[in-house]
């Protein structure tokens, strides 16, 4: 699995855990739905750390909590 796929899975995991849609997450994070969609649909091949930070702030979690998931173990380049 590569980083883009791992970020996608983690975003979807956190949405499910918090009972949020992609649109709901975007609103909480102060980002457009298209930005969050690009993480999930694979359009964004290199997600920016600032985007992930904004998602975390919207979810009320620390950035370390975002990366605290098994999906980030054994990533490939």
N, C-alpha and C. Protein backbone atom coordinates (compact mmCIF):
# COMPACT_ATOMS: atom_id res chain seq x y z
N UNK A 1 0.86 -1.18 0.00
CA UNK A 1 0.00 0.00 0.00
C UNK A 1 0.90 1.23 0.00
N UNK A 2 0.47 2.26 -0.73
CA UNK A 2 1.25 3.49 -0.73
C UNK A 2 0.59 4.53 0.19
N UNK A 3 1.27 5.65 0.36
CA UNK A 3 0.81 6.68 1.29
C UNK A 3 -0.57 7.21 0.92
N UNK A 4 -0.82 7.45 -0.36
CA UNK A 4 -2.11 7.99 -0.79
C UNK A 4 -3.24 7.04 -0.41
N UNK A 5 -3.04 5.75 -0.63
CA UNK A 5 -4.06 4.76 -0.27
C UNK A 5 -4.26 4.72 1.24
N UNK A 6 -3.18 4.82 2.00
CA UNK A 6 -3.28 4.78 3.45
C UNK A 6 -4.04 5.99 3.98
N UNK A 7 -3.76 7.17 3.42
CA UNK A 7 -4.47 8.39 3.84
C UNK A 7 -5.95 8.25 3.51
N UNK A 8 -6.26 7.75 2.34
CA UNK A 8 -7.65 7.53 1.93
C UNK A 8 -8.36 6.63 2.94
N UNK A 9 -7.75 5.49 3.24
CA UNK A 9 -8.37 4.56 4.18
C UNK A 9 -8.55 5.16 5.56
N UNK A 10 -7.56 5.94 5.99
CA UNK A 10 -7.65 6.56 7.32
C UNK A 10 -8.75 7.62 7.37
N UNK A 11 -8.89 8.41 6.31
CA UNK A 11 -9.96 9.40 6.26
C UNK A 11 -11.32 8.71 6.32
N UNK A 12 -11.48 7.67 5.53
CA UNK A 12 -12.75 6.93 5.54
C UNK A 12 -13.01 6.28 6.90
N UNK A 13 -11.97 5.76 7.52
CA UNK A 13 -12.08 5.15 8.84
C UNK A 13 -12.54 6.18 9.87
N UNK A 14 -11.93 7.35 9.83
CA UNK A 14 -12.29 8.39 10.79
C UNK A 14 -13.69 8.94 10.53
N UNK A 15 -14.08 9.02 9.27
CA UNK A 15 -15.46 9.45 8.96
C UNK A 15 -16.45 8.45 9.54
N UNK A 16 -16.18 7.17 9.34
CA UNK A 16 -17.08 6.15 9.86
C UNK A 16 -17.14 6.19 11.38
N UNK A 17 -15.97 6.30 12.00
CA UNK A 17 -15.89 6.33 13.46
C UNK A 17 -16.67 7.51 14.04
N UNK A 18 -16.65 8.64 13.33
CA UNK A 18 -17.31 9.86 13.82
C UNK A 18 -18.67 10.09 13.17
N UNK A 19 -19.15 9.08 12.44
CA UNK A 19 -20.46 9.15 11.79
C UNK A 19 -20.57 10.41 10.92
N UNK A 20 -19.56 10.62 10.09
CA UNK A 20 -19.50 11.79 9.22
C UNK A 20 -19.47 11.39 7.76
N UNK A 21 -20.04 12.22 6.93
CA UNK A 21 -19.87 12.09 5.49
C UNK A 21 -18.61 12.87 5.11
N UNK A 22 -18.19 12.69 3.87
CA UNK A 22 -17.05 13.46 3.37
C UNK A 22 -17.39 14.95 3.43
N UNK A 23 -18.62 15.30 3.05
CA UNK A 23 -19.05 16.69 3.10
C UNK A 23 -19.03 17.22 4.54
N UNK A 24 -19.49 16.41 5.48
CA UNK A 24 -19.47 16.82 6.89
C UNK A 24 -18.06 17.05 7.40
N UNK A 25 -17.15 16.16 7.02
CA UNK A 25 -15.75 16.32 7.42
C UNK A 25 -15.16 17.59 6.81
N UNK A 26 -15.47 17.83 5.54
CA UNK A 26 -14.97 19.04 4.88
C UNK A 26 -15.47 20.28 5.60
N UNK A 27 -16.75 20.30 5.95
CA UNK A 27 -17.30 21.48 6.64
C UNK A 27 -16.63 21.68 7.99
N UNK A 28 -16.45 20.61 8.76
CA UNK A 28 -15.80 20.73 10.07
C UNK A 28 -14.35 21.21 9.94
N UNK A 29 -13.73 20.84 8.84
CA UNK A 29 -12.31 21.16 8.63
C UNK A 29 -12.09 22.49 7.94
N UNK A 30 -13.17 23.13 7.49
CA UNK A 30 -13.04 24.42 6.81
C UNK A 30 -12.44 24.29 5.42
N UNK A 31 -12.66 23.14 4.78
CA UNK A 31 -12.14 22.92 3.44
C UNK A 31 -13.29 22.63 2.50
N UNK A 32 -13.02 22.73 1.23
CA UNK A 32 -14.06 22.41 0.25
C UNK A 32 -14.24 20.89 0.20
N UNK A 33 -15.44 20.49 -0.19
CA UNK A 33 -15.70 19.06 -0.33
C UNK A 33 -14.81 18.46 -1.41
N UNK A 34 -14.52 19.22 -2.44
CA UNK A 34 -13.68 18.70 -3.53
C UNK A 34 -12.26 18.39 -3.04
N UNK A 35 -11.77 19.16 -2.09
CA UNK A 35 -10.43 18.89 -1.53
C UNK A 35 -10.42 17.55 -0.81
N UNK A 36 -11.42 17.34 0.03
CA UNK A 36 -11.49 16.07 0.77
C UNK A 36 -11.79 14.92 -0.19
N UNK A 37 -12.65 15.16 -1.16
CA UNK A 37 -12.94 14.13 -2.17
C UNK A 37 -11.67 13.71 -2.90
N UNK A 38 -10.80 14.66 -3.19
CA UNK A 38 -9.58 14.33 -3.92
C UNK A 38 -8.68 13.39 -3.12
N UNK A 39 -8.75 13.46 -1.79
CA UNK A 39 -7.99 12.52 -0.96
C UNK A 39 -8.60 11.12 -1.06
N UNK A 40 -9.91 11.07 -1.12
CA UNK A 40 -10.62 9.79 -1.08
C UNK A 40 -10.69 9.13 -2.45
N UNK A 41 -10.82 9.91 -3.51
CA UNK A 41 -10.98 9.30 -4.83
C UNK A 41 -9.64 9.09 -5.56
N UNK A 42 -8.55 9.48 -4.93
CA UNK A 42 -7.23 9.23 -5.51
C UNK A 42 -6.71 10.32 -6.42
N UNK A 43 -7.48 11.39 -6.60
CA UNK A 43 -7.03 12.50 -7.43
C UNK A 43 -5.78 13.14 -6.85
N UNK A 44 -5.74 13.27 -5.53
CA UNK A 44 -4.57 13.83 -4.85
C UNK A 44 -3.56 12.71 -4.63
N UNK A 45 -2.51 12.71 -5.44
CA UNK A 45 -1.49 11.67 -5.36
C UNK A 45 -0.48 11.93 -4.24
N UNK A 46 -0.41 13.18 -3.78
CA UNK A 46 0.56 13.54 -2.76
C UNK A 46 -0.12 14.47 -1.75
N UNK A 47 -0.87 13.91 -0.81
CA UNK A 47 -1.60 14.76 0.14
C UNK A 47 -0.66 15.62 0.97
N UNK A 48 -1.02 16.88 1.09
CA UNK A 48 -0.20 17.81 1.87
C UNK A 48 -0.45 17.61 3.36
N UNK A 49 0.60 17.80 4.13
CA UNK A 49 0.49 17.67 5.57
C UNK A 49 -0.46 18.72 6.14
N UNK A 50 -0.49 19.91 5.55
CA UNK A 50 -1.40 20.95 6.00
C UNK A 50 -2.86 20.52 5.83
N UNK A 51 -3.16 19.83 4.75
CA UNK A 51 -4.52 19.32 4.54
C UNK A 51 -4.87 18.30 5.61
N UNK A 52 -3.95 17.41 5.92
CA UNK A 52 -4.19 16.42 6.96
C UNK A 52 -4.35 17.09 8.31
N UNK A 53 -3.55 18.12 8.58
CA UNK A 53 -3.68 18.87 9.83
C UNK A 53 -5.06 19.51 9.94
N UNK A 54 -5.56 20.08 8.86
CA UNK A 54 -6.89 20.70 8.88
C UNK A 54 -7.97 19.66 9.15
N UNK A 55 -7.81 18.48 8.57
CA UNK A 55 -8.76 17.40 8.86
C UNK A 55 -8.74 17.05 10.34
N UNK A 56 -7.55 16.97 10.89
CA UNK A 56 -7.40 16.65 12.31
C UNK A 56 -8.06 17.71 13.19
N UNK A 57 -7.84 18.97 12.86
CA UNK A 57 -8.45 20.05 13.64
C UNK A 57 -9.97 19.96 13.56
N UNK A 58 -10.49 19.65 12.39
CA UNK A 58 -11.93 19.49 12.23
C UNK A 58 -12.48 18.33 13.04
N UNK A 59 -11.70 17.28 13.15
CA UNK A 59 -12.11 16.10 13.91
C UNK A 59 -11.84 16.23 15.41
N UNK A 60 -11.07 17.25 15.77
CA UNK A 60 -10.73 17.43 17.18
C UNK A 60 -9.70 16.42 17.67
N UNK A 61 -8.79 16.01 16.76
CA UNK A 61 -7.74 15.08 17.15
C UNK A 61 -6.37 15.69 16.84
N UNK A 62 -5.37 15.12 17.46
CA UNK A 62 -3.99 15.54 17.19
C UNK A 62 -3.51 14.84 15.92
N UNK A 63 -2.56 15.44 15.25
CA UNK A 63 -2.05 14.85 14.01
C UNK A 63 -1.42 13.48 14.28
N UNK A 64 -0.85 13.30 15.46
CA UNK A 64 -0.28 11.99 15.80
C UNK A 64 -1.36 10.92 15.85
N UNK A 65 -2.58 11.32 16.22
CA UNK A 65 -3.68 10.36 16.26
C UNK A 65 -4.12 9.95 14.86
N UNK A 66 -3.99 10.87 13.90
CA UNK A 66 -4.33 10.52 12.52
C UNK A 66 -3.43 9.39 12.04
N UNK A 67 -2.15 9.48 12.35
CA UNK A 67 -1.19 8.49 11.86
C UNK A 67 -1.09 7.26 12.76
N UNK A 68 -1.83 7.24 13.86
CA UNK A 68 -1.83 6.10 14.77
C UNK A 68 -2.83 5.06 14.28
N UNK A 69 -2.48 4.40 13.20
CA UNK A 69 -3.34 3.40 12.57
C UNK A 69 -2.48 2.38 11.86
N UNK A 70 -2.95 1.17 11.83
CA UNK A 70 -2.21 0.10 11.15
C UNK A 70 -2.08 0.32 9.66
N UNK A 71 -2.90 1.17 9.07
CA UNK A 71 -2.81 1.39 7.62
C UNK A 71 -1.48 2.04 7.24
N UNK A 72 -0.79 2.64 8.20
CA UNK A 72 0.50 3.28 7.90
C UNK A 72 1.70 2.38 8.15
N UNK A 73 1.45 1.11 8.47
CA UNK A 73 2.55 0.15 8.69
C UNK A 73 2.91 -0.50 7.35
N UNK A 74 4.18 -0.51 7.05
CA UNK A 74 4.68 -1.18 5.85
C UNK A 74 4.34 -0.47 4.54
N UNK A 75 4.33 0.86 4.56
CA UNK A 75 4.03 1.61 3.34
C UNK A 75 5.13 1.43 2.31
N UNK A 76 4.72 1.48 1.05
CA UNK A 76 5.66 1.41 -0.06
C UNK A 76 5.76 2.77 -0.72
N UNK A 77 6.87 2.99 -1.39
CA UNK A 77 7.09 4.24 -2.10
C UNK A 77 6.33 4.26 -3.40
